[in-house]
């Protein structure tokens, strides 16, 4: 497989899925890391947005978690 095709396979899911199982198995690991998170990895992600508020209200002070 050419270097161009390898890079395209890393970036283009439709192209990657169109490859034979043998071609997909022979792809080197993407240097950027995994393309997708597993359900367990996605569930473990924590974080939130912090917004600067110039008023004295408490509407922005609680951190909201999205399920």
PDB file of N, CA and C in Angstrom:
ATOM      1  N   UNK A   1       0.849  -1.166   0.000  1.00  0.00           N
ATOM      2  CA  UNK A   1       0.000   0.000   0.000  1.00  0.00           C
ATOM      3  C   UNK A   1       0.899   1.234   0.000  1.00  0.00           C
ATOM      4  N   UNK A   2       0.557   2.226  -0.810  1.00  0.00           N
ATOM      5  CA  UNK A   2       1.388   3.431  -0.914  1.00  0.00           C
ATOM      6  C   UNK A   2       1.237   4.301   0.342  1.00  0.00           C
ATOM      7  N   UNK A   3       2.198   5.156   0.551  1.00  0.00           N
ATOM      8  CA  UNK A   3       2.143   6.085   1.695  1.00  0.00           C
ATOM      9  C   UNK A   3       0.906   6.962   1.618  1.00  0.00           C
ATOM     10  N   UNK A   4       0.537   7.382   0.417  1.00  0.00           N
ATOM     11  CA  UNK A   4      -0.659   8.217   0.229  1.00  0.00           C
ATOM     12  C   UNK A   4      -1.902   7.452   0.687  1.00  0.00           C
ATOM     13  N   UNK A   5      -1.997   6.170   0.316  1.00  0.00           N
ATOM     14  CA  UNK A   5      -3.150   5.358   0.709  1.00  0.00           C
ATOM     15  C   UNK A   5      -3.188   5.113   2.214  1.00  0.00           C
ATOM     16  N   UNK A   6      -2.032   4.943   2.823  1.00  0.00           N
ATOM     17  CA  UNK A   6      -1.976   4.763   4.276  1.00  0.00           C
ATOM     18  C   UNK A   6      -2.501   6.010   4.974  1.00  0.00           C
ATOM     19  N   UNK A   7      -2.027   7.164   4.555  1.00  0.00           N
ATOM     20  CA  UNK A   7      -2.471   8.425   5.162  1.00  0.00           C
ATOM     21  C   UNK A   7      -3.966   8.626   4.930  1.00  0.00           C
ATOM     22  N   UNK A   8      -4.426   8.311   3.718  1.00  0.00           N
ATOM     23  CA  UNK A   8      -5.852   8.436   3.419  1.00  0.00           C
ATOM     24  C   UNK A   8      -6.665   7.495   4.306  1.00  0.00           C
ATOM     25  N   UNK A   9      -6.170   6.296   4.534  1.00  0.00           N
ATOM     26  CA  UNK A   9      -6.867   5.340   5.395  1.00  0.00           C
ATOM     27  C   UNK A   9      -6.956   5.854   6.827  1.00  0.00           C
ATOM     28  N   UNK A  10      -5.915   6.528   7.289  1.00  0.00           N
ATOM     29  CA  UNK A  10      -5.950   7.111   8.630  1.00  0.00           C
ATOM     30  C   UNK A  10      -7.002   8.204   8.723  1.00  0.00           C
ATOM     31  N   UNK A  11      -7.121   9.018   7.674  1.00  0.00           N
ATOM     32  CA  UNK A  11      -7.986  10.200   7.720  1.00  0.00           C
ATOM     33  C   UNK A  11      -9.416   9.955   7.250  1.00  0.00           C
ATOM     34  N   UNK A  12      -9.623   8.998   6.369  1.00  0.00           N
ATOM     35  CA  UNK A  12     -10.905   8.815   5.695  1.00  0.00           C
ATOM     36  C   UNK A  12     -11.522   7.468   6.098  1.00  0.00           C
ATOM     37  N   UNK A  13     -12.490   7.512   6.990  1.00  0.00           N
ATOM     38  CA  UNK A  13     -13.089   6.277   7.494  1.00  0.00           C
ATOM     39  C   UNK A  13     -13.748   5.471   6.375  1.00  0.00           C
ATOM     40  N   UNK A  14     -14.438   6.144   5.453  1.00  0.00           N
ATOM     41  CA  UNK A  14     -15.093   5.424   4.346  1.00  0.00           C
ATOM     42  C   UNK A  14     -14.059   4.680   3.505  1.00  0.00           C
ATOM     43  N   UNK A  15     -12.921   5.333   3.227  1.00  0.00           N
ATOM     44  CA  UNK A  15     -11.858   4.665   2.471  1.00  0.00           C
ATOM     45  C   UNK A  15     -11.300   3.492   3.255  1.00  0.00           C
ATOM     46  N   UNK A  16     -11.065   3.708   4.555  1.00  0.00           N
ATOM     47  CA  UNK A  16     -10.509   2.654   5.406  1.00  0.00           C
ATOM     48  C   UNK A  16     -11.437   1.434   5.412  1.00  0.00           C
ATOM     49  N   UNK A  17     -12.744   1.677   5.509  1.00  0.00           N
ATOM     50  CA  UNK A  17     -13.694   0.569   5.537  1.00  0.00           C
ATOM     51  C   UNK A  17     -13.819  -0.119   4.186  1.00  0.00           C
ATOM     52  N   UNK A  18     -13.428   0.569   3.106  1.00  0.00           N
ATOM     53  CA  UNK A  18     -13.497  -0.043   1.779  1.00  0.00           C
ATOM     54  C   UNK A  18     -12.310  -0.973   1.508  1.00  0.00           C
ATOM     55  N   UNK A  19     -11.290  -0.911   2.359  1.00  0.00           N
ATOM     56  CA  UNK A  19     -10.114  -1.768   2.199  1.00  0.00           C
ATOM     57  C   UNK A  19     -10.445  -3.202   2.601  1.00  0.00           C
ATOM     58  N   UNK A  20      -9.708  -4.121   2.064  1.00  0.00           N
ATOM     59  CA  UNK A  20      -9.892  -5.521   2.459  1.00  0.00           C
ATOM     60  C   UNK A  20      -9.461  -5.679   3.918  1.00  0.00           C
ATOM     61  N   UNK A  21      -9.920  -6.740   4.537  1.00  0.00           N
ATOM     62  CA  UNK A  21      -9.554  -7.006   5.925  1.00  0.00           C
ATOM     63  C   UNK A  21      -8.042  -7.140   6.068  1.00  0.00           C
ATOM     64  N   UNK A  22      -7.396  -7.742   5.078  1.00  0.00           N
ATOM     65  CA  UNK A  22      -5.935  -7.904   5.109  1.00  0.00           C
ATOM     66  C   UNK A  22      -5.240  -6.547   5.028  1.00  0.00           C
ATOM     67  N   UNK A  23      -5.745  -5.657   4.164  1.00  0.00           N
ATOM     68  CA  UNK A  23      -5.150  -4.317   4.055  1.00  0.00           C
ATOM     69  C   UNK A  23      -5.321  -3.536   5.357  1.00  0.00           C
ATOM     70  N   UNK A  24      -6.522  -3.613   5.953  1.00  0.00           N
ATOM     71  CA  UNK A  24      -6.749  -2.900   7.222  1.00  0.00           C
ATOM     72  C   UNK A  24      -5.833  -3.444   8.308  1.00  0.00           C
ATOM     73  N   UNK A  25      -5.624  -4.745   8.328  1.00  0.00           N
ATOM     74  CA  UNK A  25      -4.758  -5.359   9.342  1.00  0.00           C
ATOM     75  C   UNK A  25      -3.302  -4.954   9.151  1.00  0.00           C
ATOM     76  N   UNK A  26      -2.920  -4.643   7.916  1.00  0.00           N
ATOM     77  CA  UNK A  26      -1.524  -4.287   7.646  1.00  0.00           C
ATOM     78  C   UNK A  26      -1.231  -2.796   7.833  1.00  0.00           C
ATOM     79  N   UNK A  27      -2.264  -2.002   8.100  1.00  0.00           N
ATOM     80  CA  UNK A  27      -2.036  -0.560   8.294  1.00  0.00           C
ATOM     81  C   UNK A  27      -1.195  -0.322   9.544  1.00  0.00           C
ATOM     82  N   UNK A  28      -0.202   0.531   9.448  1.00  0.00           N
ATOM     83  CA  UNK A  28       0.545   0.892  10.656  1.00  0.00           C
ATOM     84  C   UNK A  28      -0.343   1.741  11.568  1.00  0.00           C
ATOM     85  N   UNK A  29      -0.005   1.798  12.832  1.00  0.00           N
ATOM     86  CA  UNK A  29      -0.763   2.610  13.780  1.00  0.00           C
ATOM     87  C   UNK A  29      -0.705   4.082  13.373  1.00  0.00           C
ATOM     88  N   UNK A  30      -1.811   4.769  13.555  1.00  0.00           N
ATOM     89  CA  UNK A  30      -1.866   6.194  13.270  1.00  0.00           C
ATOM     90  C   UNK A  30      -0.960   6.921  14.272  1.00  0.00           C
ATOM     91  N   UNK A  31      -0.020   7.735  13.818  1.00  0.00           N
ATOM     92  CA  UNK A  31       0.900   8.407  14.743  1.00  0.00           C
ATOM     93  C   UNK A  31       0.199   9.399  15.664  1.00  0.00           C
ATOM     94  N   UNK A  32      -1.011   9.829  15.300  1.00  0.00           N
ATOM     95  CA  UNK A  32      -1.776  10.748  16.146  1.00  0.00           C
ATOM     96  C   UNK A  32      -2.500  10.008  17.252  1.00  0.00           C
ATOM     97  N   UNK A  33      -2.460   8.691  17.234  1.00  0.00           N
ATOM     98  CA  UNK A  33      -3.137   7.902  18.247  1.00  0.00           C
ATOM     99  C   UNK A  33      -4.450   7.359  17.729  1.00  0.00           C
ATOM    100  N   UNK A  34      -5.234   6.791  18.626  1.00  0.00           N
ATOM    101  CA  UNK A  34      -6.509   6.205  18.220  1.00  0.00           C
ATOM    102  C   UNK A  34      -7.423   7.248  17.580  1.00  0.00           C
ATOM    103  N   UNK A  35      -8.138   6.805  16.582  1.00  0.00           N
ATOM    104  CA  UNK A  35      -9.039   7.705  15.870  1.00  0.00           C
ATOM    105  C   UNK A  35     -10.338   7.880  16.647  1.00  0.00           C
ATOM    106  N   UNK A  36     -10.779   6.854  17.329  1.00  0.00           N
ATOM    107  CA  UNK A  36     -12.033   6.895  18.052  1.00  0.00           C
ATOM    108  C   UNK A  36     -11.825   6.417  19.485  1.00  0.00           C
ATOM    109  N   UNK A  37     -12.656   6.927  20.381  1.00  0.00           N
ATOM    110  CA  UNK A  37     -12.633   6.483  21.760  1.00  0.00           C
ATOM    111  C   UNK A  37     -13.570   5.306  21.929  1.00  0.00           C
ATOM    112  N   UNK A  38     -13.202   4.400  22.815  1.00  0.00           N
ATOM    113  CA  UNK A  38     -14.121   3.317  23.166  1.00  0.00           C
ATOM    114  C   UNK A  38     -15.196   3.904  24.078  1.00  0.00           C
ATOM    115  N   UNK A  39     -16.264   3.158  24.306  1.00  0.00           N
ATOM    116  CA  UNK A  39     -17.323   3.622  25.223  1.00  0.00           C
ATOM    117  C   UNK A  39     -16.754   3.888  26.613  1.00  0.00           C
ATOM    118  N   UNK A  40     -15.867   3.017  27.073  1.00  0.00           N
ATOM    119  CA  UNK A  40     -15.269   3.179  28.400  1.00  0.00           C
ATOM    120  C   UNK A  40     -14.412   4.440  28.464  1.00  0.00           C
ATOM    121  N   UNK A  41     -13.639   4.707  27.407  1.00  0.00           N
ATOM    122  CA  UNK A  41     -12.805   5.914  27.385  1.00  0.00           C
ATOM    123  C   UNK A  41     -13.672   7.172  27.350  1.00  0.00           C
ATOM    124  N   UNK A  42     -14.732   7.143  26.565  1.00  0.00           N
ATOM    125  CA  UNK A  42     -15.629   8.304  26.475  1.00  0.00           C
ATOM    126  C   UNK A  42     -16.319   8.564  27.814  1.00  0.00           C
ATOM    127  N   UNK A  43     -16.693   7.503  28.526  1.00  0.00           N
ATOM    128  CA  UNK A  43     -17.353   7.653  29.814  1.00  0.00           C
ATOM    129  C   UNK A  43     -16.406   8.217  30.872  1.00  0.00           C
ATOM    130  N   UNK A  44     -15.099   7.979  30.696  1.00  0.00           N
ATOM    131  CA  UNK A  44     -14.118   8.436  31.673  1.00  0.00           C
ATOM    132  C   UNK A  44     -13.688   9.884  31.467  1.00  0.00           C
ATOM    133  N   UNK A  45     -14.092  10.486  30.365  1.00  0.00           N
ATOM    134  CA  UNK A  45     -13.697  11.858  30.076  1.00  0.00           C
ATOM    135  C   UNK A  45     -14.450  12.799  31.000  1.00  0.00           C
ATOM    136  N   UNK A  46     -13.721  13.680  31.638  1.00  0.00           N
ATOM    137  CA  UNK A  46     -14.329  14.674  32.508  1.00  0.00           C
ATOM    138  C   UNK A  46     -13.849  16.041  32.081  1.00  0.00           C
ATOM    139  N   UNK A  47     -14.622  17.003  32.379  1.00  0.00           N
ATOM    140  CA  UNK A  47     -14.234  18.365  32.065  1.00  0.00           C
ATOM    141  C   UNK A  47     -15.464  19.224  31.971  1.00  0.00           C
ATOM    142  N   UNK A  48     -15.245  20.458  31.738  1.00  0.00           N
ATOM    143  CA  UNK A  48     -16.367  21.370  31.619  1.00  0.00           C
ATOM    144  C   UNK A  48     -15.886  22.687  31.089  1.00  0.00           C
ATOM    145  N   UNK A  49     -16.813  23.503  30.795  1.00  0.00           N
ATOM    146  CA  UNK A  49     -16.485  24.833  30.305  1.00  0.00           C
ATOM    147  C   UNK A  49     -16.515  25.804  31.470  1.00  0.00           C
ATOM    148  N   UNK A  50     -15.626  26.698  31.459  1.00  0.00           N
ATOM    149  CA  UNK A  50     -15.589  27.733  32.466  1.00  0.00           C
ATOM    150  C   UNK A  50     -15.834  29.059  31.769  1.00  0.00           C
ATOM    151  N   UNK A  51     -16.859  29.729  32.190  1.00  0.00           N
ATOM    152  CA  UNK A  51     -17.197  31.001  31.554  1.00  0.00           C
ATOM    153  C   UNK A  51     -16.935  32.136  32.530  1.00  0.00           C
ATOM    154  N   UNK A  52     -16.352  33.190  32.038  1.00  0.00           N
ATOM    155  CA  UNK A  52     -16.141  34.376  32.851  1.00  0.00           C
ATOM    156  C   UNK A  52     -17.454  35.131  32.935  1.00  0.00           C
ATOM    157  N   UNK A  53     -17.824  35.483  34.131  1.00  0.00           N
ATOM    158  CA  UNK A  53     -19.095  36.183  34.348  1.00  0.00           C
ATOM    159  C   UNK A  53     -18.791  37.500  35.036  1.00  0.00           C
ATOM    160  N   UNK A  54     -19.349  38.551  34.498  1.00  0.00           N
ATOM    161  CA  UNK A  54     -19.073  39.864  35.072  1.00  0.00           C
ATOM    162  C   UNK A  54     -20.202  40.326  35.979  1.00  0.00           C
ATOM    163  N   UNK A  55     -21.209  39.502  36.186  1.00  0.00           N
ATOM    164  CA  UNK A  55     -22.313  39.880  37.065  1.00  0.00           C
ATOM    165  C   UNK A  55     -22.171  39.157  38.398  1.00  0.00           C
ATOM    166  N   UNK A  56     -22.965  39.501  39.355  1.00  0.00           N
ATOM    167  CA  UNK A  56     -22.866  38.875  40.671  1.00  0.00           C
ATOM    168  C   UNK A  56     -23.837  37.711  40.843  1.00  0.00           C
ATOM    169  N   UNK A  57     -24.458  37.276  39.756  1.00  0.00           N
ATOM    170  CA  UNK A  57     -25.404  36.162  39.862  1.00  0.00           C
ATOM    171  C   UNK A  57     -24.655  34.850  40.056  1.00  0.00           C
ATOM    172  N   UNK A  58     -25.383  33.828  40.447  1.00  0.00           N
ATOM    173  CA  UNK A  58     -24.764  32.522  40.645  1.00  0.00           C
ATOM    174  C   UNK A  58     -25.104  31.563  39.515  1.00  0.00           C
ATOM    175  N   UNK A  59     -25.690  32.063  38.448  1.00  0.00           N
ATOM    176  CA  UNK A  59     -26.154  31.179  37.371  1.00  0.00           C
ATOM    177  C   UNK A  59     -25.015  30.467  36.653  1.00  0.00           C
ATOM    178  N   UNK A  60     -23.826  31.018  36.691  1.00  0.00           N
ATOM    179  CA  UNK A  60     -22.699  30.415  35.984  1.00  0.00           C
ATOM    180  C   UNK A  60     -21.731  29.718  36.926  1.00  0.00           C
ATOM    181  N   UNK A  61     -22.018  29.740  38.214  1.00  0.00           N
ATOM    182  CA  UNK A  61     -21.019  29.261  39.158  1.00  0.00           C
ATOM    183  C   UNK A  61     -21.019  27.750  39.347  1.00  0.00           C
ATOM    184  N   UNK A  62     -22.085  27.057  38.999  1.00  0.00           N
ATOM    185  CA  UNK A  62     -22.076  25.610  39.171  1.00  0.00           C
ATOM    186  C   UNK A  62     -21.615  24.916  37.902  1.00  0.00           C
ATOM    187  N   UNK A  63     -20.863  23.879  38.086  1.00  0.00           N
ATOM    188  CA  UNK A  63     -20.359  23.124  36.928  1.00  0.00           C
ATOM    189  C   UNK A  63     -21.416  22.107  36.541  1.00  0.00           C
ATOM    190  N   UNK A  64     -21.747  22.060  35.269  1.00  0.00           N
ATOM    191  CA  UNK A  64     -22.766  21.159  34.768  1.00  0.00           C
ATOM    192  C   UNK A  64     -22.099  19.990  34.097  1.00  0.00           C
ATOM    193  N   UNK A  65     -22.520  18.792  34.449  1.00  0.00           N
ATOM    194  CA  UNK A  65     -22.000  17.593  33.800  1.00  0.00           C
ATOM    195  C   UNK A  65     -23.036  17.102  32.807  1.00  0.00           C
ATOM    196  N   UNK A  66     -22.558  16.776  31.637  1.00  0.00           N
ATOM    197  CA  UNK A  66     -23.451  16.242  30.622  1.00  0.00           C
ATOM    198  C   UNK A  66     -23.362  14.723  30.671  1.00  0.00           C
ATOM    199  N   UNK A  67     -24.497  14.077  30.633  1.00  0.00           N
ATOM    200  CA  UNK A  67     -24.509  12.610  30.662  1.00  0.00           C
ATOM    201  C   UNK A  67     -24.411  12.054  29.287  1.00  0.00           C
TER     202      UNK A  67
END
